[in-house]
Amino acid sequence: MQFLFSVAGTTPDLAYTELQPIVIYHLPSAFFLKTDPIMRFDFKHSPTATVPVNLHFGRALTPRFAINVIGEYVTTGSGDGNFTVQLNLAYVNW
C-alpha cells in the first residue's frame, strides 16, 4: 500500500492511495493461479477510483522460467470496461 499526499510548497494538492493485494494458489504439476490488481484511489478528486480485476494462469517451466496468461478487466474508473490479455515469460534470477 502506498499513500501519497502533499502538505506544503508549490506541489498541487495530492491525496492518492494505491493498494495491491496479491493472492497466489499453487496447483498440481507446477501450475498456478494468481491475482494482483493495483487499485488506485484519488481522494482530492473524489469519487475517483480505478479498480481492476485480474487473473493469471501459469506454469513454472523450470526453477527459473515461468509462463503465464493474464486477463484483466477494469470495473470502475479510468479505463472502465477495458479488457486486456497478456502473455508473459518470466525469468527469475535470485
Protein backbone atom coordinates (compact mmCIF):
# COMPACT_ATOMS: atom_id res chain seq x y z
CA MET A 1 0.00 0.00 0.00
CA GLN A 2 1.22 3.49 -0.85
CA PHE A 3 -0.31 6.74 0.38
CA LEU A 4 0.95 9.92 -1.28
CA PHE A 5 -0.01 13.39 -0.06
CA SER A 6 1.17 16.99 -0.21
CA VAL A 7 1.48 19.25 2.84
CA ALA A 8 3.29 22.35 1.58
CA GLY A 9 5.03 24.05 -1.31
CA THR A 10 4.04 24.54 -4.90
CA THR A 11 3.01 20.92 -5.39
CA PRO A 12 -0.66 20.64 -6.37
CA ASP A 13 -3.00 19.10 -3.84
CA LEU A 14 -2.33 15.41 -3.66
CA ALA A 15 -4.04 12.65 -1.68
CA TYR A 16 -3.63 9.38 -3.53
CA THR A 17 -3.52 5.74 -2.45
CA GLU A 18 -2.52 2.56 -4.27
CA LEU A 19 -3.42 -0.85 -2.88
CA GLN A 20 -2.22 -4.14 -4.39
CA PRO A 21 -3.42 -7.35 -2.75
CA ILE A 22 -1.55 -10.42 -4.02
CA VAL A 23 -3.03 -13.91 -3.80
CA ILE A 24 -1.34 -16.99 -5.29
CA TYR A 25 -2.75 -20.51 -5.36
CA HIS A 26 -0.42 -23.35 -6.34
CA LEU A 27 -1.94 -26.18 -8.37
CA PRO A 28 -0.50 -29.64 -9.13
CA SER A 29 2.15 -30.11 -11.85
CA ALA A 30 3.70 -26.64 -11.32
CA PHE A 31 0.59 -24.72 -12.42
CA PHE A 32 -0.63 -21.67 -10.51
CA LEU A 33 -3.40 -19.08 -10.26
CA LYS A 34 -2.62 -15.54 -9.17
CA THR A 35 -4.37 -12.21 -8.76
CA ASP A 36 -2.56 -8.90 -8.12
CA PRO A 37 -4.72 -5.94 -9.19
CA ILE A 38 -3.45 -2.41 -8.47
CA MET A 39 -6.36 -0.38 -7.10
CA ARG A 40 -5.98 3.41 -7.20
CA PHE A 41 -7.93 5.93 -5.12
CA ASP A 42 -7.68 9.72 -5.52
CA PHE A 43 -9.20 11.48 -2.50
CA LYS A 44 -8.77 15.04 -3.84
CA HIS A 45 -10.80 14.34 -6.98
CA SER A 46 -13.34 12.18 -5.21
CA PRO A 47 -15.03 9.96 -6.12
CA THR A 48 -12.18 8.85 -8.38
CA ALA A 49 -11.08 5.25 -8.10
CA THR A 50 -9.71 2.71 -10.57
CA VAL A 51 -10.47 -0.88 -9.61
CA PRO A 52 -9.32 -3.64 -11.97
CA VAL A 53 -9.92 -7.38 -11.56
CA ASN A 54 -7.25 -9.71 -12.93
CA LEU A 55 -6.39 -13.40 -13.01
CA HIS A 56 -3.10 -15.06 -14.00
CA PHE A 57 -2.95 -18.69 -15.07
CA GLY A 58 0.54 -20.05 -15.49
CA ARG A 59 3.06 -22.81 -15.17
CA ALA A 60 6.62 -22.97 -13.90
CA LEU A 61 8.64 -24.47 -16.75
CA THR A 62 11.92 -24.79 -14.84
CA PRO A 63 13.10 -23.47 -11.46
CA ARG A 64 13.95 -20.17 -13.23
CA PHE A 65 11.33 -19.83 -16.02
CA ALA A 66 7.56 -19.43 -15.79
CA ILE A 67 4.93 -18.61 -18.39
CA ASN A 68 1.50 -17.18 -17.71
CA VAL A 69 -1.56 -15.64 -19.33
CA ILE A 70 -3.17 -12.63 -17.64
CA GLY A 71 -6.69 -11.39 -18.16
CA GLU A 72 -7.67 -8.02 -16.66
CA TYR A 73 -10.98 -6.16 -16.62
CA VAL A 74 -11.35 -2.61 -15.27
CA THR A 75 -14.58 -2.46 -13.25
CA THR A 76 -14.59 1.27 -12.48
CA GLY A 77 -12.52 4.40 -13.02
CA SER A 78 -10.02 5.24 -15.73
CA GLY A 79 -10.41 2.65 -18.48
CA ASP A 80 -13.81 1.47 -17.21
CA GLY A 81 -14.91 -1.57 -19.21
CA ASN A 82 -11.50 -2.25 -20.78
CA PHE A 83 -10.42 -5.89 -21.06
CA THR A 84 -6.80 -6.82 -21.75
CA VAL A 85 -4.96 -10.11 -22.18
CA GLN A 86 -1.18 -10.54 -21.79
CA LEU A 87 1.20 -13.44 -22.29
CA ASN A 88 4.31 -13.30 -20.06
CA LEU A 89 7.50 -15.32 -19.95
CA ALA A 90 9.36 -14.63 -16.70
CA TYR A 91 12.97 -15.35 -15.76
CA VAL A 92 13.78 -15.33 -12.05
CA ASN A 93 17.43 -14.92 -11.08
CA TRP A 94 17.55 -14.88 -7.28
